[in-house]
Amino acid sequence: MWKEYATYWPWGTVLTVRIVRALRRAALLFATLALAGCGGDDEPEPAGAFVTTLIRDLGSGQAATAWESLHPLHRKRVPQARYVQCESKDGFGGTVTKVDVLDVKQEPATIPGQFGQQPSTAVTVGVTLDVPESEAPERFTLTAHIFETDGTWSWVIGPVDYAAYMTGNCPAQG
C-alpha cells in the first residue's frame, strides 16, 4: 500500500504522489519556457525591416536574394533564373543610401495571378538614392504590400511586371 502513495528516488528519499506531480508540472513548465526563449516563435521579423532589406537587395542588384522571399505563387510562376536575368537589366538608377519606414498598416491587397484581395501589410518607405548624374540625392516614396506566408514575409511582383513575365517577356525597363 505504501508504494501507491510514494515514489523512491535514486538517492533514497521518499516523495508523495502530490510532490512528484508538482515536480513534473514544474519541469514541464521550465521546459516550455526554455523552448519559447530559443527562437521557437512563429512571428516574422518586423514588416518595415523586411521591406528595407528587400529594397536594399533590389537596389544593389541582388535579384536572386530578393526572389527567395517572393510570394510562393510568384516563385512558382516566375523561375528564379528568368527573374534574375530580367531584373539584372534594370535597377533603381542609383545607389540606395537610405530607406526610411514611413508607415505600416494592415490593408487588403491583390496578389497578381489570384482573384480577390488577401490580408496584407502595406509598408510605405522613403528611398534615397545617390544618382551619378545628379548633384543632389534623389528621393522617392513607394508602398509595398507584403504577405505573411508560413511564418515569414513574402512580397509580390507588381501587376504590370507580372503580366509581362506571364507572356514570356521581361518587364519594361526604366
N, C-alpha and C. Protein backbone atom coordinates (compact mmCIF):
# COMPACT_ATOMS: atom_id res chain seq x y z
N MET A 1 0.81 -1.19 0.00
CA MET A 1 0.00 0.00 0.00
C MET A 1 0.86 1.26 0.00
N TRP A 2 1.99 1.24 0.65
CA TRP A 2 2.87 2.39 0.71
C TRP A 2 3.34 2.80 -0.68
N LYS A 3 3.57 1.83 -1.57
CA LYS A 3 4.08 2.11 -2.91
C LYS A 3 3.08 2.89 -3.76
N GLU A 4 1.80 2.81 -3.46
CA GLU A 4 0.80 3.56 -4.21
C GLU A 4 0.92 5.05 -3.94
N TYR A 5 1.39 5.45 -2.78
CA TYR A 5 1.39 6.84 -2.39
C TYR A 5 2.77 7.48 -2.38
N ALA A 6 3.79 6.70 -2.64
CA ALA A 6 5.13 7.26 -2.58
C ALA A 6 5.98 6.72 -3.71
N THR A 7 6.98 7.49 -4.06
CA THR A 7 7.95 7.09 -5.07
C THR A 7 9.33 7.20 -4.44
N TYR A 8 10.16 6.22 -4.70
CA TYR A 8 11.52 6.24 -4.17
C TYR A 8 12.44 6.84 -5.21
N TRP A 9 13.14 7.87 -4.86
CA TRP A 9 14.13 8.47 -5.74
C TRP A 9 15.43 7.71 -5.59
N PRO A 10 16.29 7.78 -6.56
CA PRO A 10 17.53 7.00 -6.53
C PRO A 10 18.36 7.23 -5.28
N TRP A 11 18.29 8.41 -4.69
CA TRP A 11 19.11 8.66 -3.51
C TRP A 11 18.40 8.30 -2.22
N GLY A 12 17.23 7.62 -2.32
CA GLY A 12 16.58 7.04 -1.17
C GLY A 12 15.49 7.87 -0.53
N THR A 13 15.22 9.07 -1.03
CA THR A 13 14.19 9.91 -0.44
C THR A 13 12.82 9.44 -0.90
N VAL A 14 11.87 9.43 -0.02
CA VAL A 14 10.51 9.04 -0.36
C VAL A 14 9.70 10.31 -0.63
N LEU A 15 9.05 10.36 -1.81
CA LEU A 15 8.22 11.52 -2.15
C LEU A 15 6.79 11.07 -2.35
N THR A 16 5.85 11.86 -1.92
CA THR A 16 4.45 11.50 -2.12
C THR A 16 4.06 11.78 -3.56
N VAL A 17 2.97 11.19 -3.98
CA VAL A 17 2.47 11.35 -5.34
C VAL A 17 2.22 12.81 -5.66
N ARG A 18 1.69 13.59 -4.73
CA ARG A 18 1.42 15.01 -4.97
C ARG A 18 2.71 15.78 -5.25
N ILE A 19 3.74 15.49 -4.50
CA ILE A 19 5.01 16.19 -4.72
C ILE A 19 5.60 15.81 -6.07
N VAL A 20 5.51 14.53 -6.43
CA VAL A 20 6.03 14.07 -7.72
C VAL A 20 5.29 14.77 -8.85
N ARG A 21 3.96 14.85 -8.75
CA ARG A 21 3.18 15.53 -9.78
C ARG A 21 3.56 17.01 -9.88
N ALA A 22 3.74 17.65 -8.74
CA ALA A 22 4.12 19.07 -8.74
C ALA A 22 5.49 19.25 -9.39
N LEU A 23 6.42 18.36 -9.11
CA LEU A 23 7.75 18.45 -9.71
C LEU A 23 7.68 18.23 -11.22
N ARG A 24 6.85 17.28 -11.65
CA ARG A 24 6.70 17.04 -13.09
C ARG A 24 6.11 18.26 -13.79
N ARG A 25 5.10 18.88 -13.18
CA ARG A 25 4.49 20.09 -13.75
C ARG A 25 5.52 21.21 -13.84
N ALA A 26 6.30 21.38 -12.78
CA ALA A 26 7.32 22.43 -12.77
C ALA A 26 8.36 22.17 -13.86
N ALA A 27 8.77 20.91 -14.01
CA ALA A 27 9.75 20.57 -15.04
C ALA A 27 9.18 20.85 -16.43
N LEU A 28 7.91 20.51 -16.65
CA LEU A 28 7.27 20.77 -17.92
C LEU A 28 7.18 22.27 -18.19
N LEU A 29 6.83 23.04 -17.17
CA LEU A 29 6.75 24.49 -17.31
C LEU A 29 8.11 25.07 -17.68
N PHE A 30 9.17 24.64 -16.98
CA PHE A 30 10.51 25.15 -17.28
C PHE A 30 10.94 24.77 -18.69
N ALA A 31 10.63 23.55 -19.10
CA ALA A 31 10.99 23.12 -20.45
C ALA A 31 10.26 23.95 -21.50
N THR A 32 8.98 24.23 -21.25
CA THR A 32 8.19 25.04 -22.18
C THR A 32 8.75 26.45 -22.27
N LEU A 33 9.06 27.05 -21.13
CA LEU A 33 9.63 28.40 -21.13
C LEU A 33 10.98 28.44 -21.81
N ALA A 34 11.78 27.42 -21.62
CA ALA A 34 13.10 27.37 -22.26
C ALA A 34 12.95 27.30 -23.78
N LEU A 35 12.01 26.49 -24.26
CA LEU A 35 11.79 26.40 -25.70
C LEU A 35 11.25 27.69 -26.26
N ALA A 36 10.39 28.37 -25.53
CA ALA A 36 9.84 29.64 -26.01
C ALA A 36 10.92 30.68 -26.18
N GLY A 37 11.96 30.61 -25.39
CA GLY A 37 13.05 31.57 -25.49
C GLY A 37 14.12 31.19 -26.49
N CYS A 38 13.96 30.08 -27.18
CA CYS A 38 15.00 29.60 -28.11
C CYS A 38 14.61 29.79 -29.55
N GLY A 39 13.94 30.88 -29.88
CA GLY A 39 13.59 31.15 -31.27
C GLY A 39 12.46 30.29 -31.76
N GLY A 40 11.66 29.77 -30.89
CA GLY A 40 10.58 28.89 -31.30
C GLY A 40 9.31 29.61 -31.71
N ASP A 41 9.30 30.95 -31.67
CA ASP A 41 8.06 31.62 -32.04
C ASP A 41 7.97 31.75 -33.55
N ASP A 42 6.73 31.90 -34.04
CA ASP A 42 6.49 31.96 -35.47
C ASP A 42 6.29 33.38 -35.97
N GLU A 43 6.59 34.38 -35.16
CA GLU A 43 6.42 35.76 -35.57
C GLU A 43 7.50 36.12 -36.58
N PRO A 44 7.10 36.67 -37.73
CA PRO A 44 8.13 37.11 -38.68
C PRO A 44 8.82 38.37 -38.17
N GLU A 45 9.92 38.72 -38.82
CA GLU A 45 10.61 39.96 -38.47
C GLU A 45 9.66 41.13 -38.69
N PRO A 46 9.95 42.29 -38.13
CA PRO A 46 9.07 43.44 -38.35
C PRO A 46 8.91 43.74 -39.85
N ALA A 47 7.71 44.13 -40.24
CA ALA A 47 7.41 44.37 -41.66
C ALA A 47 8.32 45.43 -42.26
N GLY A 48 8.57 46.50 -41.52
CA GLY A 48 9.42 47.57 -42.04
C GLY A 48 10.84 47.09 -42.29
N ALA A 49 11.37 46.25 -41.41
CA ALA A 49 12.72 45.71 -41.59
C ALA A 49 12.78 44.82 -42.83
N PHE A 50 11.72 44.03 -43.04
CA PHE A 50 11.68 43.16 -44.21
C PHE A 50 11.72 43.98 -45.50
N VAL A 51 10.88 45.01 -45.59
CA VAL A 51 10.83 45.83 -46.80
C VAL A 51 12.14 46.60 -46.99
N THR A 52 12.72 47.08 -45.91
CA THR A 52 14.01 47.78 -46.01
C THR A 52 15.07 46.87 -46.61
N THR A 53 15.14 45.63 -46.14
CA THR A 53 16.10 44.66 -46.68
C THR A 53 15.81 44.37 -48.14
N LEU A 54 14.53 44.22 -48.47
CA LEU A 54 14.12 43.94 -49.84
C LEU A 54 14.56 45.08 -50.78
N ILE A 55 14.31 46.32 -50.38
CA ILE A 55 14.69 47.47 -51.20
C ILE A 55 16.20 47.51 -51.38
N ARG A 56 16.94 47.27 -50.31
CA ARG A 56 18.41 47.28 -50.41
C ARG A 56 18.90 46.14 -51.33
N ASP A 57 18.28 44.96 -51.24
CA ASP A 57 18.66 43.85 -52.12
C ASP A 57 18.38 44.19 -53.59
N LEU A 58 17.17 44.69 -53.87
CA LEU A 58 16.82 45.02 -55.24
C LEU A 58 17.68 46.17 -55.76
N GLY A 59 17.94 47.15 -54.91
CA GLY A 59 18.73 48.31 -55.32
C GLY A 59 20.19 47.99 -55.56
N SER A 60 20.69 46.93 -54.95
CA SER A 60 22.10 46.57 -55.12
C SER A 60 22.28 45.42 -56.11
N GLY A 61 21.22 45.09 -56.85
CA GLY A 61 21.34 44.06 -57.88
C GLY A 61 21.28 42.63 -57.37
N GLN A 62 20.85 42.43 -56.15
CA GLN A 62 20.77 41.09 -55.58
C GLN A 62 19.38 40.48 -55.84
N ALA A 63 19.07 40.35 -57.12
CA ALA A 63 17.75 39.86 -57.52
C ALA A 63 17.52 38.42 -57.06
N ALA A 64 18.56 37.60 -57.06
CA ALA A 64 18.41 36.20 -56.63
C ALA A 64 18.02 36.13 -55.16
N THR A 65 18.60 36.99 -54.36
CA THR A 65 18.27 37.04 -52.93
C THR A 65 16.83 37.53 -52.75
N ALA A 66 16.45 38.56 -53.50
CA ALA A 66 15.08 39.08 -53.41
C ALA A 66 14.07 38.03 -53.86
N TRP A 67 14.39 37.27 -54.88
CA TRP A 67 13.48 36.24 -55.39
C TRP A 67 13.16 35.21 -54.30
N GLU A 68 14.12 34.92 -53.43
CA GLU A 68 13.93 33.92 -52.37
C GLU A 68 12.76 34.28 -51.46
N SER A 69 12.48 35.57 -51.26
CA SER A 69 11.39 35.97 -50.38
C SER A 69 10.12 36.34 -51.16
N LEU A 70 10.12 36.07 -52.45
CA LEU A 70 8.95 36.30 -53.29
C LEU A 70 7.80 35.38 -52.86
N HIS A 71 6.57 35.82 -53.04
CA HIS A 71 5.40 35.03 -52.68
C HIS A 71 5.48 33.67 -53.39
N PRO A 72 5.10 32.59 -52.72
CA PRO A 72 5.20 31.24 -53.33
C PRO A 72 4.52 31.13 -54.69
N LEU A 73 3.38 31.78 -54.89
CA LEU A 73 2.70 31.74 -56.20
C LEU A 73 3.61 32.33 -57.28
N HIS A 74 4.25 33.44 -56.98
CA HIS A 74 5.12 34.09 -57.97
C HIS A 74 6.42 33.31 -58.16
N ARG A 75 6.95 32.71 -57.11
CA ARG A 75 8.14 31.86 -57.28
C ARG A 75 7.82 30.66 -58.17
N LYS A 76 6.60 30.16 -58.04
CA LYS A 76 6.19 29.01 -58.85
C LYS A 76 6.05 29.39 -60.33
N ARG A 77 5.56 30.60 -60.58
CA ARG A 77 5.27 31.00 -61.96
C ARG A 77 6.39 31.77 -62.66
N VAL A 78 7.30 32.33 -61.87
CA VAL A 78 8.42 33.08 -62.45
C VAL A 78 9.72 32.43 -61.95
N PRO A 79 10.35 31.61 -62.79
CA PRO A 79 11.57 30.92 -62.35
C PRO A 79 12.65 31.92 -61.94
N GLN A 80 13.45 31.51 -60.97
CA GLN A 80 14.48 32.40 -60.44
C GLN A 80 15.45 32.86 -61.54
N ALA A 81 15.87 31.95 -62.40
CA ALA A 81 16.82 32.32 -63.45
C ALA A 81 16.24 33.40 -64.37
N ARG A 82 14.97 33.25 -64.71
CA ARG A 82 14.31 34.25 -65.58
C ARG A 82 14.20 35.59 -64.85
N TYR A 83 13.78 35.55 -63.60
CA TYR A 83 13.64 36.78 -62.83
C TYR A 83 14.98 37.51 -62.73
N VAL A 84 16.03 36.79 -62.40
CA VAL A 84 17.36 37.40 -62.25
C VAL A 84 17.84 37.96 -63.59
N GLN A 85 17.61 37.21 -64.67
CA GLN A 85 18.00 37.68 -66.00
C GLN A 85 17.31 39.00 -66.33
N CYS A 86 16.02 39.06 -66.10
CA CYS A 86 15.26 40.28 -66.43
C CYS A 86 15.62 41.43 -65.51
N GLU A 87 15.72 41.17 -64.23
CA GLU A 87 15.95 42.25 -63.27
C GLU A 87 17.38 42.77 -63.30
N SER A 88 18.31 41.98 -63.82
CA SER A 88 19.69 42.46 -63.89
C SER A 88 19.83 43.58 -64.92
N LYS A 89 18.87 43.71 -65.81
CA LYS A 89 18.89 44.77 -66.82
C LYS A 89 18.30 46.07 -66.29
N ASP A 90 17.68 46.00 -65.12
CA ASP A 90 17.00 47.17 -64.58
C ASP A 90 17.47 47.39 -63.15
N GLY A 91 17.38 48.59 -62.70
CA GLY A 91 17.76 48.91 -61.33
C GLY A 91 17.04 50.17 -60.90
N PHE A 92 17.51 50.74 -59.84
CA PHE A 92 16.88 51.97 -59.35
C PHE A 92 17.51 53.22 -59.97
N GLY A 93 18.56 53.04 -60.76
CA GLY A 93 19.20 54.20 -61.38
C GLY A 93 20.19 54.90 -60.46
N GLY A 94 20.51 54.29 -59.36
CA GLY A 94 21.45 54.87 -58.42
C GLY A 94 21.67 53.91 -57.26
N THR A 95 22.49 54.33 -56.33
CA THR A 95 22.79 53.53 -55.15
C THR A 95 21.86 53.90 -54.01
N VAL A 96 21.21 52.90 -53.43
CA VAL A 96 20.32 53.15 -52.29
C VAL A 96 21.20 53.55 -51.11
N THR A 97 20.98 54.77 -50.60
CA THR A 97 21.76 55.23 -49.46
C THR A 97 20.96 55.26 -48.17
N LYS A 98 19.63 55.29 -48.31
CA LYS A 98 18.80 55.36 -47.11
C LYS A 98 17.40 54.84 -47.42
N VAL A 99 16.85 54.10 -46.48
CA VAL A 99 15.45 53.65 -46.56
C VAL A 99 14.80 54.00 -45.23
N ASP A 100 13.76 54.82 -45.28
CA ASP A 100 13.03 55.22 -44.08
C ASP A 100 11.64 54.60 -44.13
N VAL A 101 11.26 53.89 -43.08
CA VAL A 101 9.91 53.35 -42.98
C VAL A 101 9.00 54.49 -42.54
N LEU A 102 8.03 54.83 -43.38
CA LEU A 102 7.14 55.97 -43.11
C LEU A 102 5.81 55.54 -42.50
N ASP A 103 5.32 54.36 -42.90
CA ASP A 103 4.02 53.91 -42.41
C ASP A 103 3.91 52.40 -42.58
N VAL A 104 3.27 51.76 -41.63
CA VAL A 104 3.00 50.32 -41.69
C VAL A 104 1.56 50.14 -41.24
N LYS A 105 0.74 49.53 -42.09
CA LYS A 105 -0.66 49.30 -41.71
C LYS A 105 -1.19 48.06 -42.39
N GLN A 106 -2.21 47.50 -41.77
CA GLN A 106 -2.90 46.35 -42.35
C GLN A 106 -3.82 46.86 -43.45
N GLU A 107 -3.74 46.22 -44.63
CA GLU A 107 -4.54 46.68 -45.77
C GLU A 107 -4.67 45.52 -46.75
N PRO A 108 -5.89 45.14 -47.10
CA PRO A 108 -6.03 44.06 -48.08
C PRO A 108 -5.44 44.45 -49.43
N ALA A 109 -4.91 43.47 -50.13
CA ALA A 109 -4.31 43.74 -51.45
C ALA A 109 -4.49 42.51 -52.33
N THR A 110 -4.38 42.74 -53.63
CA THR A 110 -4.49 41.67 -54.60
C THR A 110 -3.10 41.12 -54.90
N ILE A 111 -3.00 39.81 -54.99
CA ILE A 111 -1.78 39.17 -55.44
C ILE A 111 -1.96 38.92 -56.93
N PRO A 112 -1.16 39.58 -57.78
CA PRO A 112 -1.31 39.34 -59.22
C PRO A 112 -1.26 37.84 -59.53
N GLY A 113 -2.24 37.39 -60.30
CA GLY A 113 -2.36 35.97 -60.61
C GLY A 113 -3.41 35.27 -59.77
N GLN A 114 -3.96 35.96 -58.78
CA GLN A 114 -5.03 35.42 -57.94
C GLN A 114 -6.21 36.38 -57.97
N PHE A 115 -7.39 35.82 -57.77
CA PHE A 115 -8.59 36.66 -57.71
C PHE A 115 -8.85 37.07 -56.28
N GLY A 116 -9.38 38.25 -56.11
CA GLY A 116 -9.76 38.72 -54.80
C GLY A 116 -8.60 39.28 -54.01
N GLN A 117 -8.98 39.94 -52.94
CA GLN A 117 -7.96 40.55 -52.09
C GLN A 117 -7.60 39.62 -50.94
N GLN A 118 -6.38 39.74 -50.50
CA GLN A 118 -5.85 38.94 -49.40
C GLN A 118 -5.40 39.89 -48.28
N PRO A 119 -5.40 39.42 -47.05
CA PRO A 119 -4.86 40.26 -45.98
C PRO A 119 -3.38 40.54 -46.26
N SER A 120 -2.99 41.78 -46.10
CA SER A 120 -1.58 42.14 -46.32
C SER A 120 -1.19 43.25 -45.37
N THR A 121 0.10 43.51 -45.34
CA THR A 121 0.62 44.64 -44.59
C THR A 121 1.21 45.60 -45.61
N ALA A 122 0.72 46.84 -45.60
CA ALA A 122 1.22 47.87 -46.51
C ALA A 122 2.33 48.63 -45.79
N VAL A 123 3.51 48.60 -46.38
CA VAL A 123 4.66 49.30 -45.80
C VAL A 123 5.07 50.40 -46.77
N THR A 124 4.97 51.64 -46.32
CA THR A 124 5.38 52.78 -47.13
C THR A 124 6.77 53.20 -46.68
N VAL A 125 7.66 53.31 -47.65
CA VAL A 125 9.05 53.69 -47.36
C VAL A 125 9.47 54.86 -48.23
N GLY A 126 10.37 55.65 -47.70
CA GLY A 126 11.04 56.69 -48.47
C GLY A 126 12.43 56.17 -48.79
N VAL A 127 12.80 56.22 -50.07
CA VAL A 127 14.09 55.70 -50.52
C VAL A 127 14.93 56.85 -51.04
N THR A 128 16.16 56.95 -50.57
CA THR A 128 17.09 57.97 -51.03
C THR A 128 18.16 57.29 -51.87
N LEU A 129 18.39 57.85 -53.06
CA LEU A 129 19.37 57.31 -53.99
C LEU A 129 20.49 58.30 -54.24
N ASP A 130 21.68 57.79 -54.36
CA ASP A 130 22.81 58.57 -54.84
C ASP A 130 22.88 58.28 -56.33
N VAL A 131 22.50 59.27 -57.14
CA VAL A 131 22.42 59.09 -58.59
C VAL A 131 23.64 59.74 -59.24
N PRO A 132 24.36 58.99 -60.09
CA PRO A 132 25.59 59.52 -60.68
C PRO A 132 25.41 60.84 -61.44
N GLU A 133 24.34 61.02 -62.17
CA GLU A 133 24.14 62.22 -63.00
C GLU A 133 23.61 63.40 -62.21
N SER A 134 23.31 63.20 -60.94
CA SER A 134 22.69 64.26 -60.15
C SER A 134 23.61 64.71 -59.02
N GLU A 135 23.62 66.01 -58.79
CA GLU A 135 24.45 66.55 -57.70
C GLU A 135 23.82 66.28 -56.34
N ALA A 136 22.51 66.28 -56.28
CA ALA A 136 21.80 66.05 -55.02
C ALA A 136 21.18 64.66 -55.02
N PRO A 137 21.07 64.04 -53.85
CA PRO A 137 20.41 62.74 -53.79
C PRO A 137 18.95 62.84 -54.25
N GLU A 138 18.47 61.78 -54.85
CA GLU A 138 17.06 61.74 -55.27
C GLU A 138 16.29 60.89 -54.28
N ARG A 139 15.04 61.26 -54.06
CA ARG A 139 14.21 60.56 -53.08
C ARG A 139 12.86 60.23 -53.72
N PHE A 140 12.39 59.03 -53.44
CA PHE A 140 11.03 58.66 -53.87
C PHE A 140 10.38 57.85 -52.77
N THR A 141 9.07 57.76 -52.85
CA THR A 141 8.28 57.03 -51.86
C THR A 141 7.56 55.90 -52.59
N LEU A 142 7.50 54.75 -51.94
CA LEU A 142 6.72 53.64 -52.51
C LEU A 142 6.07 52.86 -51.38
N THR A 143 4.99 52.18 -51.74
CA THR A 143 4.29 51.32 -50.79
C THR A 143 4.37 49.89 -51.29
N ALA A 144 4.87 49.02 -50.45
CA ALA A 144 4.97 47.59 -50.77
C ALA A 144 3.93 46.84 -49.94
N HIS A 145 3.18 45.99 -50.61
CA HIS A 145 2.25 45.12 -49.89
C HIS A 145 2.94 43.79 -49.70
N ILE A 146 3.06 43.39 -48.44
CA ILE A 146 3.71 42.12 -48.14
C ILE A 146 2.71 41.20 -47.45
N PHE A 147 2.97 39.91 -47.57
CA PHE A 147 2.02 38.91 -47.11
C PHE A 147 2.73 37.94 -46.18
N GLU A 148 2.08 37.58 -45.08
CA GLU A 148 2.66 36.59 -44.19
C GLU A 148 2.38 35.21 -44.78
N THR A 149 3.46 34.47 -45.00
CA THR A 149 3.36 33.15 -45.61
C THR A 149 4.21 32.18 -44.80
N ASP A 150 3.58 31.22 -44.17
CA ASP A 150 4.29 30.21 -43.38
C ASP A 150 5.25 30.82 -42.35
N GLY A 151 4.79 31.86 -41.68
CA GLY A 151 5.58 32.46 -40.61
C GLY A 151 6.66 33.42 -41.06
N THR A 152 6.72 33.73 -42.36
CA THR A 152 7.68 34.72 -42.86
C THR A 152 6.96 35.68 -43.79
N TRP A 153 7.61 36.78 -44.09
CA TRP A 153 7.03 37.74 -45.03
C TRP A 153 7.36 37.34 -46.45
N SER A 154 6.46 37.65 -47.37
CA SER A 154 6.74 37.49 -48.79
C SER A 154 6.21 38.72 -49.51
N TRP A 155 6.75 38.99 -50.67
CA TRP A 155 6.34 40.15 -51.47
C TRP A 155 5.87 39.66 -52.82
N VAL A 156 5.27 40.53 -53.58
CA VAL A 156 4.75 40.14 -54.89
C VAL A 156 5.28 41.06 -55.98
N ILE A 157 5.35 40.52 -57.18
CA ILE A 157 5.69 41.31 -58.36
C ILE A 157 4.46 42.14 -58.72
N GLY A 158 4.65 43.38 -59.10
CA GLY A 158 3.53 44.26 -59.46
C GLY A 158 2.75 43.72 -60.65
N PRO A 159 1.50 44.15 -60.82
CA PRO A 159 0.64 43.59 -61.86
C PRO A 159 1.16 43.76 -63.29
N VAL A 160 1.74 44.90 -63.62
CA VAL A 160 2.24 45.12 -64.99
C VAL A 160 3.45 44.23 -65.25
N ASP A 161 4.39 44.19 -64.30
CA ASP A 161 5.56 43.33 -64.47
C ASP A 161 5.17 41.86 -64.48
N TYR A 162 4.21 41.48 -63.62
CA TYR A 162 3.75 40.10 -63.56
C TYR A 162 3.15 39.68 -64.91
N ALA A 163 2.35 40.56 -65.51
CA ALA A 163 1.75 40.28 -66.82
C ALA A 163 2.84 40.07 -67.87
N ALA A 164 3.89 40.87 -67.81
CA ALA A 164 5.00 40.70 -68.76
C ALA A 164 5.65 39.32 -68.58
N TYR A 165 5.91 38.95 -67.35
CA TYR A 165 6.51 37.63 -67.09
C TYR A 165 5.59 36.52 -67.60
N MET A 166 4.28 36.66 -67.42
CA MET A 166 3.34 35.62 -67.84
C MET A 166 3.27 35.48 -69.35
N THR A 167 3.66 36.52 -70.08
CA THR A 167 3.68 36.43 -71.55
C THR A 167 5.05 36.03 -72.07
N GLY A 168 5.98 35.71 -71.14
CA GLY A 168 7.31 35.28 -71.54
C GLY A 168 8.30 36.41 -71.78
N ASN A 169 7.90 37.62 -71.44
CA ASN A 169 8.77 38.77 -71.64
C ASN A 169 9.34 39.29 -70.32
N CYS A 170 10.39 40.07 -70.43
CA CYS A 170 10.88 40.80 -69.28
C CYS A 170 10.03 42.07 -69.15
N PRO A 171 9.83 42.54 -67.94
CA PRO A 171 9.10 43.81 -67.77
C PRO A 171 9.86 44.94 -68.47
N ALA A 172 9.12 45.99 -68.81
CA ALA A 172 9.73 47.16 -69.44
C ALA A 172 10.78 47.74 -68.51
N GLN A 173 11.88 48.17 -69.07
CA GLN A 173 12.98 48.73 -68.30
C GLN A 173 12.74 50.22 -68.05
N GLY A 174 13.26 50.68 -66.91
CA GLY A 174 13.18 52.12 -66.63
C GLY A 174 12.24 52.37 -65.58
